[in-house]
Amino acid sequence: MSQRLLAEVLEPRARELFEMVRDNLRQAGVLEALGAGCVLTGGGTRLAAMAEIAEQILRCPIRVGGAGAIPRMPASFAQPEFCAALGLLLYTHRSRVGRIYQQQRFTERVRSLFVGA
């Protein structure tokens, strides 16, 4: 399949997608609050002109996001297509660390009740 034919199929779908996003943001009452812009993530953002199409339809600044630096993370994971997976991993890790911290604090408080008595 030629790149031109692929673009002829994908561009209208991208426009349709961002029109639905725009309509949903408008319905939620947050479209006007996008003054600072939007960050696109995912593998689809690597398609040519995706950010430009989003900018035209949403009428706000658009940038393509990538994963931030994580210690010992391979550089290839910093691409936009890995953002959702990395975000979920970081969320899970932080949630677990937070629960462990809360459990330790609870244990220390219970211990202080008996040690202090």
PDB file of N, CA and C in Angstrom:
ATOM      1  N   MET A   1       0.854  -1.166   0.000  1.00  0.00           N
ATOM      2  CA  MET A   1       0.000   0.000   0.000  1.00  0.00           C
ATOM      3  C   MET A   1       0.902   1.232   0.000  1.00  0.00           C
ATOM      4  N   SER A   2       0.587   2.168  -0.852  1.00  0.00           N
ATOM      5  CA  SER A   2       1.421   3.361  -0.950  1.00  0.00           C
ATOM      6  C   SER A   2       1.172   4.275   0.247  1.00  0.00           C
ATOM      7  N   GLN A   3       2.176   5.086   0.544  1.00  0.00           N
ATOM      8  CA  GLN A   3       2.081   6.017   1.658  1.00  0.00           C
ATOM      9  C   GLN A   3       0.983   7.054   1.401  1.00  0.00           C
ATOM     10  N   ARG A   4       0.832   7.439   0.160  1.00  0.00           N
ATOM     11  CA  ARG A   4      -0.206   8.419  -0.200  1.00  0.00           C
ATOM     12  C   ARG A   4      -1.601   7.862   0.058  1.00  0.00           C
ATOM     13  N   LEU A   5      -1.837   6.623  -0.349  1.00  0.00           N
ATOM     14  CA  LEU A   5      -3.136   5.988  -0.126  1.00  0.00           C
ATOM     15  C   LEU A   5      -3.405   5.842   1.369  1.00  0.00           C
ATOM     16  N   LEU A   6      -2.399   5.450   2.112  1.00  0.00           N
ATOM     17  CA  LEU A   6      -2.528   5.322   3.561  1.00  0.00           C
ATOM     18  C   LEU A   6      -2.890   6.668   4.194  1.00  0.00           C
ATOM     19  N   ALA A   7      -2.231   7.732   3.751  1.00  0.00           N
ATOM     20  CA  ALA A   7      -2.523   9.071   4.268  1.00  0.00           C
ATOM     21  C   ALA A   7      -3.943   9.495   3.923  1.00  0.00           C
ATOM     22  N   GLU A   8      -4.413   9.144   2.737  1.00  0.00           N
ATOM     23  CA  GLU A   8      -5.777   9.487   2.322  1.00  0.00           C
ATOM     24  C   GLU A   8      -6.829   8.795   3.184  1.00  0.00           C
ATOM     25  N   VAL A   9      -6.481   7.649   3.731  1.00  0.00           N
ATOM     26  CA  VAL A   9      -7.399   6.924   4.608  1.00  0.00           C
ATOM     27  C   VAL A   9      -7.292   7.441   6.042  1.00  0.00           C
ATOM     28  N   LEU A  10      -6.061   7.642   6.517  1.00  0.00           N
ATOM     29  CA  LEU A  10      -5.843   7.984   7.921  1.00  0.00           C
ATOM     30  C   LEU A  10      -6.180   9.432   8.274  1.00  0.00           C
ATOM     31  N   GLU A  11      -5.924  10.368   7.377  1.00  0.00           N
ATOM     32  CA  GLU A  11      -6.166  11.781   7.726  1.00  0.00           C
ATOM     33  C   GLU A  11      -7.626  12.057   8.059  1.00  0.00           C
ATOM     34  N   PRO A  12      -8.584  11.606   7.263  1.00  0.00           N
ATOM     35  CA  PRO A  12      -9.986  11.857   7.643  1.00  0.00           C
ATOM     36  C   PRO A  12     -10.370  11.202   8.974  1.00  0.00           C
ATOM     37  N   ARG A  13      -9.801  10.028   9.248  1.00  0.00           N
ATOM     38  CA  ARG A  13     -10.094   9.362  10.525  1.00  0.00           C
ATOM     39  C   ARG A  13      -9.502  10.161  11.687  1.00  0.00           C
ATOM     40  N   ALA A  14      -8.310  10.721  11.500  1.00  0.00           N
ATOM     41  CA  ALA A  14      -7.695  11.541  12.544  1.00  0.00           C
ATOM     42  C   ALA A  14      -8.531  12.792  12.790  1.00  0.00           C
ATOM     43  N   ARG A  15      -8.981  13.416  11.728  1.00  0.00           N
ATOM     44  CA  ARG A  15      -9.840  14.604  11.878  1.00  0.00           C
ATOM     45  C   ARG A  15     -11.128  14.244  12.608  1.00  0.00           C
ATOM     46  N   GLU A  16     -11.714  13.124  12.219  1.00  0.00           N
ATOM     47  CA  GLU A  16     -12.943  12.668  12.861  1.00  0.00           C
ATOM     48  C   GLU A  16     -12.715  12.403  14.355  1.00  0.00           C
ATOM     49  N   LEU A  17     -11.613  11.777  14.671  1.00  0.00           N
ATOM     50  CA  LEU A  17     -11.275  11.480  16.064  1.00  0.00           C
ATOM     51  C   LEU A  17     -11.143  12.766  16.883  1.00  0.00           C
ATOM     52  N   PHE A  18     -10.387  13.740  16.378  1.00  0.00           N
ATOM     53  CA  PHE A  18     -10.188  14.977  17.128  1.00  0.00           C
ATOM     54  C   PHE A  18     -11.454  15.827  17.184  1.00  0.00           C
ATOM     55  N   GLU A  19     -12.323  15.689  16.201  1.00  0.00           N
ATOM     56  CA  GLU A  19     -13.619  16.369  16.282  1.00  0.00           C
ATOM     57  C   GLU A  19     -14.458  15.777  17.405  1.00  0.00           C
ATOM     58  N   MET A  20     -14.402  14.449  17.568  1.00  0.00           N
ATOM     59  CA  MET A  20     -15.125  13.811  18.675  1.00  0.00           C
ATOM     60  C   MET A  20     -14.523  14.225  20.021  1.00  0.00           C
ATOM     61  N   VAL A  21     -13.201  14.291  20.077  1.00  0.00           N
ATOM     62  CA  VAL A  21     -12.537  14.745  21.308  1.00  0.00           C
ATOM     63  C   VAL A  21     -12.974  16.164  21.628  1.00  0.00           C
ATOM     64  N   ARG A  22     -12.941  17.037  20.621  1.00  0.00           N
ATOM     65  CA  ARG A  22     -13.361  18.430  20.803  1.00  0.00           C
ATOM     66  C   ARG A  22     -14.790  18.507  21.314  1.00  0.00           C
ATOM     67  N   ASP A  23     -15.688  17.745  20.705  1.00  0.00           N
ATOM     68  CA  ASP A  23     -17.093  17.764  21.105  1.00  0.00           C
ATOM     69  C   ASP A  23     -17.271  17.270  22.541  1.00  0.00           C
ATOM     70  N   ASN A  24     -16.538  16.232  22.919  1.00  0.00           N
ATOM     71  CA  ASN A  24     -16.619  15.725  24.290  1.00  0.00           C
ATOM     72  C   ASN A  24     -16.059  16.728  25.293  1.00  0.00           C
ATOM     73  N   LEU A  25     -14.963  17.385  24.934  1.00  0.00           N
ATOM     74  CA  LEU A  25     -14.393  18.404  25.824  1.00  0.00           C
ATOM     75  C   LEU A  25     -15.349  19.583  25.974  1.00  0.00           C
ATOM     76  N   ARG A  26     -15.989  19.955  24.884  1.00  0.00           N
ATOM     77  CA  ARG A  26     -16.969  21.047  24.930  1.00  0.00           C
ATOM     78  C   ARG A  26     -18.150  20.651  25.815  1.00  0.00           C
ATOM     79  N   GLN A  27     -18.638  19.442  25.633  1.00  0.00           N
ATOM     80  CA  GLN A  27     -19.775  18.957  26.413  1.00  0.00           C
ATOM     81  C   GLN A  27     -19.425  18.898  27.907  1.00  0.00           C
ATOM     82  N   ALA A  28     -18.183  18.570  28.219  1.00  0.00           N
ATOM     83  CA  ALA A  28     -17.746  18.513  29.615  1.00  0.00           C
ATOM     84  C   ALA A  28     -17.471  19.899  30.172  1.00  0.00           C
ATOM     85  N   GLY A  29     -17.456  20.909  29.306  1.00  0.00           N
ATOM     86  CA  GLY A  29     -17.236  22.275  29.752  1.00  0.00           C
ATOM     87  C   GLY A  29     -15.788  22.631  30.018  1.00  0.00           C
ATOM     88  N   VAL A  30     -14.871  21.894  29.429  1.00  0.00           N
ATOM     89  CA  VAL A  30     -13.448  22.161  29.672  1.00  0.00           C
ATOM     90  C   VAL A  30     -12.684  22.578  28.420  1.00  0.00           C
ATOM     91  N   LEU A  31     -13.359  22.664  27.298  1.00  0.00           N
ATOM     92  CA  LEU A  31     -12.667  23.017  26.061  1.00  0.00           C
ATOM     93  C   LEU A  31     -12.008  24.386  26.165  1.00  0.00           C
ATOM     94  N   GLU A  32     -12.688  25.334  26.788  1.00  0.00           N
ATOM     95  CA  GLU A  32     -12.145  26.685  26.910  1.00  0.00           C
ATOM     96  C   GLU A  32     -10.976  26.751  27.887  1.00  0.00           C
ATOM     97  N   ALA A  33     -10.820  25.745  28.734  1.00  0.00           N
ATOM     98  CA  ALA A  33      -9.745  25.724  29.727  1.00  0.00           C
ATOM     99  C   ALA A  33      -8.441  25.152  29.171  1.00  0.00           C
ATOM    100  N   LEU A  34      -8.392  24.874  27.883  1.00  0.00           N
ATOM    101  CA  LEU A  34      -7.199  24.275  27.281  1.00  0.00           C
ATOM    102  C   LEU A  34      -6.208  25.321  26.793  1.00  0.00           C
ATOM    103  N   GLY A  35      -6.219  26.490  27.365  1.00  0.00           N
ATOM    104  CA  GLY A  35      -5.345  27.561  26.909  1.00  0.00           C
ATOM    105  C   GLY A  35      -3.877  27.181  26.879  1.00  0.00           C
ATOM    106  N   ALA A  36      -3.450  26.380  27.842  1.00  0.00           N
ATOM    107  CA  ALA A  36      -2.045  25.963  27.890  1.00  0.00           C
ATOM    108  C   ALA A  36      -1.749  24.878  26.864  1.00  0.00           C
ATOM    109  N   GLY A  37      -2.798  24.242  26.337  1.00  0.00           N
ATOM    110  CA  GLY A  37      -2.607  23.242  25.297  1.00  0.00           C
ATOM    111  C   GLY A  37      -2.838  21.827  25.778  1.00  0.00           C
ATOM    112  N   CYS A  38      -2.538  20.895  24.895  1.00  0.00           N
ATOM    113  CA  CYS A  38      -2.725  19.464  25.142  1.00  0.00           C
ATOM    114  C   CYS A  38      -1.438  18.719  24.830  1.00  0.00           C
ATOM    115  N   VAL A  39      -1.289  17.579  25.461  1.00  0.00           N
ATOM    116  CA  VAL A  39      -0.154  16.699  25.198  1.00  0.00           C
ATOM    117  C   VAL A  39      -0.704  15.409  24.617  1.00  0.00           C
ATOM    118  N   LEU A  40      -0.231  15.042  23.455  1.00  0.00           N
ATOM    119  CA  LEU A  40      -0.640  13.796  22.809  1.00  0.00           C
ATOM    120  C   LEU A  40       0.380  12.715  23.128  1.00  0.00           C
ATOM    121  N   THR A  41      -0.104  11.527  23.440  1.00  0.00           N
ATOM    122  CA  THR A  41       0.788  10.389  23.652  1.00  0.00           C
ATOM    123  C   THR A  41       0.252   9.210  22.864  1.00  0.00           C
ATOM    124  N   GLY A  42       1.033   8.187  22.765  1.00  0.00           N
ATOM    125  CA  GLY A  42       0.627   6.987  22.044  1.00  0.00           C
ATOM    126  C   GLY A  42       1.329   6.900  20.702  1.00  0.00           C
ATOM    127  N   GLY A  43       1.336   5.724  20.158  1.00  0.00           N
ATOM    128  CA  GLY A  43       2.031   5.489  18.902  1.00  0.00           C
ATOM    129  C   GLY A  43       1.471   6.276  17.737  1.00  0.00           C
ATOM    130  N   GLY A  44       0.167   6.567  17.766  1.00  0.00           N
ATOM    131  CA  GLY A  44      -0.454   7.323  16.683  1.00  0.00           C
ATOM    132  C   GLY A  44       0.093   8.732  16.542  1.00  0.00           C
ATOM    133  N   THR A  45       0.654   9.263  17.603  1.00  0.00           N
ATOM    134  CA  THR A  45       1.202  10.620  17.538  1.00  0.00           C
ATOM    135  C   THR A  45       2.441  10.696  16.658  1.00  0.00           C
ATOM    136  N   ARG A  46       3.029   9.555  16.358  1.00  0.00           N
ATOM    137  CA  ARG A  46       4.221   9.544  15.512  1.00  0.00           C
ATOM    138  C   ARG A  46       3.874   9.627  14.027  1.00  0.00           C
ATOM    139  N   LEU A  47       2.587   9.524  13.703  1.00  0.00           N
ATOM    140  CA  LEU A  47       2.171   9.672  12.312  1.00  0.00           C
ATOM    141  C   LEU A  47       2.356  11.121  11.885  1.00  0.00           C
ATOM    142  N   ALA A  48       2.767  11.298  10.661  1.00  0.00           N
ATOM    143  CA  ALA A  48       3.027  12.640  10.145  1.00  0.00           C
ATOM    144  C   ALA A  48       1.782  13.507  10.250  1.00  0.00           C
ATOM    145  N   ALA A  49       1.946  14.717  10.718  1.00  0.00           N
ATOM    146  CA  ALA A  49       0.908  15.755  10.788  1.00  0.00           C
ATOM    147  C   ALA A  49      -0.168  15.503  11.839  1.00  0.00           C
ATOM    148  N   MET A  50      -0.009  14.507  12.697  1.00  0.00           N
ATOM    149  CA  MET A  50      -1.035  14.234  13.711  1.00  0.00           C
ATOM    150  C   MET A  50      -1.187  15.423  14.663  1.00  0.00           C
ATOM    151  N   ALA A  51      -0.093  15.968  15.131  1.00  0.00           N
ATOM    152  CA  ALA A  51      -0.163  17.108  16.052  1.00  0.00           C
ATOM    153  C   ALA A  51      -0.763  18.327  15.359  1.00  0.00           C
ATOM    154  N   GLU A  52      -0.437  18.512  14.094  1.00  0.00           N
ATOM    155  CA  GLU A  52      -0.979  19.661  13.357  1.00  0.00           C
ATOM    156  C   GLU A  52      -2.497  19.545  13.186  1.00  0.00           C
ATOM    157  N   ILE A  53      -2.972  18.351  12.909  1.00  0.00           N
ATOM    158  CA  ILE A  53      -4.412  18.131  12.765  1.00  0.00           C
ATOM    159  C   ILE A  53      -5.105  18.410  14.092  1.00  0.00           C
ATOM    160  N   ALA A  54      -4.536  17.909  15.178  1.00  0.00           N
ATOM    161  CA  ALA A  54      -5.116  18.148  16.504  1.00  0.00           C
ATOM    162  C   ALA A  54      -5.147  19.639  16.814  1.00  0.00           C
ATOM    163  N   GLU A  55      -4.074  20.339  16.481  1.00  0.00           N
ATOM    164  CA  GLU A  55      -3.993  21.776  16.737  1.00  0.00           C
ATOM    165  C   GLU A  55      -5.062  22.545  15.948  1.00  0.00           C
ATOM    166  N   GLN A  56      -5.280  22.161  14.710  1.00  0.00           N
ATOM    167  CA  GLN A  56      -6.295  22.816  13.879  1.00  0.00           C
ATOM    168  C   GLN A  56      -7.695  22.625  14.439  1.00  0.00           C
ATOM    169  N   ILE A  57      -7.995  21.429  14.884  1.00  0.00           N
ATOM    170  CA  ILE A  57      -9.356  21.118  15.313  1.00  0.00           C
ATOM    171  C   ILE A  57      -9.615  21.567  16.751  1.00  0.00           C
ATOM    172  N   LEU A  58      -8.654  21.357  17.647  1.00  0.00           N
ATOM    173  CA  LEU A  58      -8.848  21.736  19.045  1.00  0.00           C
ATOM    174  C   LEU A  58      -8.555  23.223  19.295  1.00  0.00           C
ATOM    175  N   ARG A  59      -7.852  23.831  18.354  1.00  0.00           N
ATOM    176  CA  ARG A  59      -7.506  25.255  18.437  1.00  0.00           C
ATOM    177  C   ARG A  59      -6.783  25.610  19.735  1.00  0.00           C
ATOM    178  N   CYS A  60      -5.767  24.830  20.014  1.00  0.00           N
ATOM    179  CA  CYS A  60      -4.898  25.089  21.157  1.00  0.00           C
ATOM    180  C   CYS A  60      -3.529  24.500  20.839  1.00  0.00           C
ATOM    181  N   PRO A  61      -2.504  24.940  21.557  1.00  0.00           N
ATOM    182  CA  PRO A  61      -1.170  24.381  21.313  1.00  0.00           C
ATOM    183  C   PRO A  61      -1.138  22.875  21.619  1.00  0.00           C
ATOM    184  N   ILE A  62      -0.455  22.146  20.783  1.00  0.00           N
ATOM    185  CA  ILE A  62      -0.343  20.694  20.938  1.00  0.00           C
ATOM    186  C   ILE A  62       1.133  20.326  20.939  1.00  0.00           C
ATOM    187  N   ARG A  63       1.489  19.405  21.809  1.00  0.00           N
ATOM    188  CA  ARG A  63       2.843  18.849  21.760  1.00  0.00           C
ATOM    189  C   ARG A  63       2.749  17.337  21.937  1.00  0.00           C
ATOM    190  N   VAL A  64       3.741  16.648  21.433  1.00  0.00           N
ATOM    191  CA  VAL A  64       3.806  15.197  21.562  1.00  0.00           C
ATOM    192  C   VAL A  64       4.632  14.895  22.797  1.00  0.00           C
ATOM    193  N   GLY A  65       4.065  14.120  23.704  1.00  0.00           N
ATOM    194  CA  GLY A  65       4.747  13.792  24.949  1.00  0.00           C
ATOM    195  C   GLY A  65       5.494  12.484  24.857  1.00  0.00           C
ATOM    196  N   GLY A  66       6.475  12.386  25.696  1.00  0.00           N
ATOM    197  CA  GLY A  66       7.244  11.160  25.829  1.00  0.00           C
ATOM    198  C   GLY A  66       7.451  10.896  27.308  1.00  0.00           C
ATOM    199  N   ALA A  67       7.930   9.742  27.640  1.00  0.00           N
ATOM    200  CA  ALA A  67       8.152   9.405  29.042  1.00  0.00           C
ATOM    201  C   ALA A  67       9.341  10.188  29.585  1.00  0.00           C
ATOM    202  N   GLY A  68       9.226  10.620  30.813  1.00  0.00           N
ATOM    203  CA  GLY A  68      10.331  11.307  31.469  1.00  0.00           C
ATOM    204  C   GLY A  68      11.429  10.325  31.818  1.00  0.00           C
ATOM    205  N   ALA A  69      12.504  10.852  32.300  1.00  0.00           N
ATOM    206  CA  ALA A  69      13.640  10.009  32.654  1.00  0.00           C
ATOM    207  C   ALA A  69      13.319   9.173  33.895  1.00  0.00           C
ATOM    208  N   ILE A  70      13.493   7.889  33.771  1.00  0.00           N
ATOM    209  CA  ILE A  70      13.335   6.963  34.877  1.00  0.00           C
ATOM    210  C   ILE A  70      14.671   6.236  35.005  1.00  0.00           C
ATOM    211  N   PRO A  71      15.220   6.172  36.208  1.00  0.00           N
ATOM    212  CA  PRO A  71      16.528   5.520  36.360  1.00  0.00           C
ATOM    213  C   PRO A  71      16.545   4.113  35.775  1.00  0.00           C
ATOM    214  N   ARG A  72      17.573   3.814  35.053  1.00  0.00           N
ATOM    215  CA  ARG A  72      17.845   2.506  34.437  1.00  0.00           C
ATOM    216  C   ARG A  72      16.821   2.090  33.392  1.00  0.00           C
ATOM    217  N   MET A  73      15.999   3.026  32.923  1.00  0.00           N
ATOM    218  CA  MET A  73      15.037   2.714  31.869  1.00  0.00           C
ATOM    219  C   MET A  73      15.752   2.786  30.519  1.00  0.00           C
ATOM    220  N   PRO A  74      15.547   1.803  29.654  1.00  0.00           N
ATOM    221  CA  PRO A  74      16.150   1.886  28.322  1.00  0.00           C
ATOM    222  C   PRO A  74      15.646   3.122  27.579  1.00  0.00           C
ATOM    223  N   ALA A  75      16.507   3.773  26.853  1.00  0.00           N
ATOM    224  CA  ALA A  75      16.154   5.004  26.138  1.00  0.00           C
ATOM    225  C   ALA A  75      15.023   4.768  25.136  1.00  0.00           C
ATOM    226  N   SER A  76      14.917   3.581  24.595  1.00  0.00           N
ATOM    227  CA  SER A  76      13.878   3.298  23.609  1.00  0.00           C
ATOM    228  C   SER A  76      12.473   3.374  24.219  1.00  0.00           C
ATOM    229  N   PHE A  77      12.357   3.254  25.530  1.00  0.00           N
ATOM    230  CA  PHE A  77      11.048   3.340  26.191  1.00  0.00           C
ATOM    231  C   PHE A  77      10.570   4.770  26.362  1.00  0.00           C
ATOM    232  N   ALA A  78      11.378   5.749  26.033  1.00  0.00           N
ATOM    233  CA  ALA A  78      10.996   7.153  26.186  1.00  0.00           C
ATOM    234  C   ALA A  78      10.114   7.628  25.032  1.00  0.00           C
ATOM    235  N   GLN A  79       9.742   6.748  24.140  1.00  0.00           N
ATOM    236  CA  GLN A  79       8.916   7.092  22.993  1.00  0.00           C
ATOM    237  C   GLN A  79       7.448   7.236  23.412  1.00  0.00           C
ATOM    238  N   PRO A  80       6.662   8.020  22.659  1.00  0.00           N
ATOM    239  CA  PRO A  80       5.254   8.254  23.022  1.00  0.00           C
ATOM    240  C   PRO A  80       4.407   6.990  23.147  1.00  0.00           C
ATOM    241  N   GLU A  81       4.717   5.961  22.389  1.00  0.00           N
ATOM    242  CA  GLU A  81       3.886   4.756  22.416  1.00  0.00           C
ATOM    243  C   GLU A  81       3.984   3.987  23.735  1.00  0.00           C
ATOM    244  N   PHE A  82       4.967   4.298  24.573  1.00  0.00           N
ATOM    245  CA  PHE A  82       5.119   3.611  25.849  1.00  0.00           C
ATOM    246  C   PHE A  82       4.598   4.423  27.030  1.00  0.00           C
ATOM    247  N   CYS A  83       4.098   5.641  26.791  1.00  0.00           N
ATOM    248  CA  CYS A  83       3.681   6.527  27.881  1.00  0.00           C
ATOM    249  C   CYS A  83       2.581   5.931  28.753  1.00  0.00           C
ATOM    250  N   ALA A  84       1.562   5.371  28.147  1.00  0.00           N
ATOM    251  CA  ALA A  84       0.448   4.833  28.939  1.00  0.00           C
ATOM    252  C   ALA A  84       0.916   3.672  29.816  1.00  0.00           C
ATOM    253  N   ALA A  85       1.676   2.757  29.249  1.00  0.00           N
ATOM    254  CA  ALA A  85       2.158   1.616  30.028  1.00  0.00           C
ATOM    255  C   ALA A  85       3.077   2.069  31.154  1.00  0.00           C
ATOM    256  N   LEU A  86       3.987   3.002  30.859  1.00  0.00           N
ATOM    257  CA  LEU A  86       4.891   3.495  31.893  1.00  0.00           C
ATOM    258  C   LEU A  86       4.124   4.267  32.967  1.00  0.00           C
ATOM    259  N   GLY A  87       3.130   5.037  32.563  1.00  0.00           N
ATOM    260  CA  GLY A  87       2.321   5.767  33.535  1.00  0.00           C
ATOM    261  C   GLY A  87       1.590   4.825  34.475  1.00  0.00           C
ATOM    262  N   LEU A  88       1.048   3.739  33.933  1.00  0.00           N
ATOM    263  CA  LEU A  88       0.367   2.753  34.773  1.00  0.00           C
ATOM    264  C   LEU A  88       1.336   2.069  35.724  1.00  0.00           C
ATOM    265  N   LEU A  89       2.530   1.758  35.240  1.00  0.00           N
ATOM    266  CA  LEU A  89       3.542   1.142  36.107  1.00  0.00           C
ATOM    267  C   LEU A  89       3.949   2.088  37.231  1.00  0.00           C
ATOM    268  N   LEU A  90       4.174   3.355  36.903  1.00  0.00           N
ATOM    269  CA  LEU A  90       4.549   4.326  37.930  1.00  0.00           C
ATOM    270  C   LEU A  90       3.423   4.532  38.941  1.00  0.00           C
ATOM    271  N   TYR A  91       2.188   4.601  38.462  1.00  0.00           N
ATOM    272  CA  TYR A  91       1.046   4.757  39.357  1.00  0.00           C
ATOM    273  C   TYR A  91       0.954   3.581  40.327  1.00  0.00           C
ATOM    274  N   THR A  92       1.094   2.361  39.788  1.00  0.00           N
ATOM    275  CA  THR A  92       1.033   1.162  40.623  1.00  0.00           C
ATOM    276  C   THR A  92       2.148   1.166  41.648  1.00  0.00           C
ATOM    277  N   HIS A  93       3.348   1.515  41.216  1.00  0.00           N
ATOM    278  CA  HIS A  93       4.494   1.551  42.132  1.00  0.00           C
ATOM    279  C   HIS A  93       4.268   2.565  43.245  1.00  0.00           C
ATOM    280  N   ARG A  94       3.857   3.772  42.886  1.00  0.00           N
ATOM    281  CA  ARG A  94       3.633   4.820  43.892  1.00  0.00           C
ATOM    282  C   ARG A  94       2.501   4.443  44.838  1.00  0.00           C
ATOM    283  N   SER A  95       1.465   3.792  44.330  1.00  0.00           N
ATOM    284  CA  SER A  95       0.361   3.356  45.190  1.00  0.00           C
ATOM    285  C   SER A  95       0.839   2.325  46.203  1.00  0.00           C
ATOM    286  N   ARG A  96       1.628   1.392  45.746  1.00  0.00           N
ATOM    287  CA  ARG A  96       2.150   0.360  46.658  1.00  0.00           C
ATOM    288  C   ARG A  96       3.082   0.960  47.696  1.00  0.00           C
ATOM    289  N   VAL A  97       3.956   1.837  47.268  1.00  0.00           N
ATOM    290  CA  VAL A  97       4.874   2.492  48.204  1.00  0.00           C
ATOM    291  C   VAL A  97       4.080   3.289  49.231  1.00  0.00           C
ATOM    292  N   GLY A  98       3.034   3.979  48.780  1.00  0.00           N
ATOM    293  CA  GLY A  98       2.192   4.748  49.696  1.00  0.00           C
ATOM    294  C   GLY A  98       1.488   3.857  50.704  1.00  0.00           C
ATOM    295  N   ARG A  99       0.984   2.712  50.268  1.00  0.00           N
ATOM    296  CA  ARG A  99       0.319   1.782  51.189  1.00  0.00           C
ATOM    297  C   ARG A  99       1.296   1.216  52.198  1.00  0.00           C
ATOM    298  N   ILE A 100       2.489   0.868  51.745  1.00  0.00           N
ATOM    299  CA  ILE A 100       3.507   0.342  52.659  1.00  0.00           C
ATOM    300  C   ILE A 100       3.856   1.395  53.704  1.00  0.00           C
ATOM    301  N   TYR A 101       4.010   2.653  53.281  1.00  0.00           N
ATOM    302  CA  TYR A 101       4.315   3.740  54.194  1.00  0.00           C
ATOM    303  C   TYR A 101       3.199   3.903  55.218  1.00  0.00           C
ATOM    304  N   GLN A 102       1.949   3.850  54.790  1.00  0.00           N
ATOM    305  CA  GLN A 102       0.815   3.982  55.706  1.00  0.00           C
ATOM    306  C   GLN A 102       0.770   2.817  56.694  1.00  0.00           C
ATOM    307  N   GLN A 103       1.068   1.611  56.221  1.00  0.00           N
ATOM    308  CA  GLN A 103       1.082   0.456  57.109  1.00  0.00           C
ATOM    309  C   GLN A 103       2.188   0.590  58.143  1.00  0.00           C
ATOM    310  N   GLN A 104       3.351   1.076  57.728  1.00  0.00           N
ATOM    311  CA  GLN A 104       4.457   1.264  58.663  1.00  0.00           C
ATOM    312  C   GLN A 104       4.102   2.303  59.717  1.00  0.00           C
ATOM    313  N   ARG A 105       3.460   3.395  59.293  1.00  0.00           N
ATOM    314  CA  ARG A 105       3.056   4.436  60.235  1.00  0.00           C
ATOM    315  C   ARG A 105       2.036   3.888  61.231  1.00  0.00           C
ATOM    316  N   PHE A 106       1.086   3.096  60.741  1.00  0.00           N
ATOM    317  CA  PHE A 106       0.081   2.501  61.617  1.00  0.00           C
ATOM    318  C   PHE A 106       0.759   1.578  62.636  1.00  0.00           C
ATOM    319  N   THR A 107       1.667   0.743  62.155  1.00  0.00           N
ATOM    320  CA  THR A 107       2.377  -0.182  63.038  1.00  0.00           C
ATOM    321  C   THR A 107       3.167   0.596  64.090  1.00  0.00           C
ATOM    322  N   GLU A 108       3.827   1.678  63.690  1.00  0.00           N
ATOM    323  CA  GLU A 108       4.588   2.488  64.639  1.00  0.00           C
ATOM    324  C   GLU A 108       3.672   3.120  65.683  1.00  0.00           C
ATOM    325  N   ARG A 109       2.488   3.580  65.273  1.00  0.00           N
ATOM    326  CA  ARG A 109       1.551   4.191  66.226  1.00  0.00           C
ATOM    327  C   ARG A 109       1.035   3.157  67.229  1.00  0.00           C
ATOM    328  N   VAL A 110       0.718   1.957  66.740  1.00  0.00           N
ATOM    329  CA  VAL A 110       0.246   0.918  67.644  1.00  0.00           C
ATOM    330  C   VAL A 110       1.371   0.535  68.603  1.00  0.00           C
ATOM    331  N   ARG A 111       2.569   0.403  68.105  1.00  0.00           N
ATOM    332  CA  ARG A 111       3.725   0.039  68.929  1.00  0.00           C
ATOM    333  C   ARG A 111       3.958   1.111  69.993  1.00  0.00           C
ATOM    334  N   SER A 112       3.828   2.380  69.604  1.00  0.00           N
ATOM    335  CA  SER A 112       4.063   3.475  70.573  1.00  0.00           C
ATOM    336  C   SER A 112       3.006   3.465  71.674  1.00  0.00           C
ATOM    337  N   LEU A 113       1.809   2.958  71.408  1.00  0.00           N
ATOM    338  CA  LEU A 113       0.793   2.854  72.446  1.00  0.00           C
ATOM    339  C   LEU A 113       1.224   1.892  73.551  1.00  0.00           C
ATOM    340  N   PHE A 114       1.858   0.786  73.129  1.00  0.00           N
ATOM    341  CA  PHE A 114       2.259  -0.220  74.109  1.00  0.00           C
ATOM    342  C   PHE A 114       3.618   0.103  74.744  1.00  0.00           C
ATOM    343  N   VAL A 115       4.498   0.674  73.989  1.00  0.00           N
ATOM    344  CA  VAL A 115       5.820   1.013  74.517  1.00  0.00           C
ATOM    345  C   VAL A 115       5.695   2.183  75.490  1.00  0.00           C
ATOM    346  N   GLY A 116       4.823   3.141  75.146  1.00  0.00           N
ATOM    347  CA  GLY A 116       4.652   4.324  75.970  1.00  0.00           C
ATOM    348  C   GLY A 116       3.848   4.043  77.230  1.00  0.00           C
ATOM    349  N   ALA A 117       3.151   2.896  77.302  1.00  0.00           N
ATOM    350  CA  ALA A 117       2.272   2.617  78.452  1.00  0.00           C
ATOM    351  C   ALA A 117       2.997   2.126  79.658  1.00  0.00           C
TER     352      ALA A 117
END
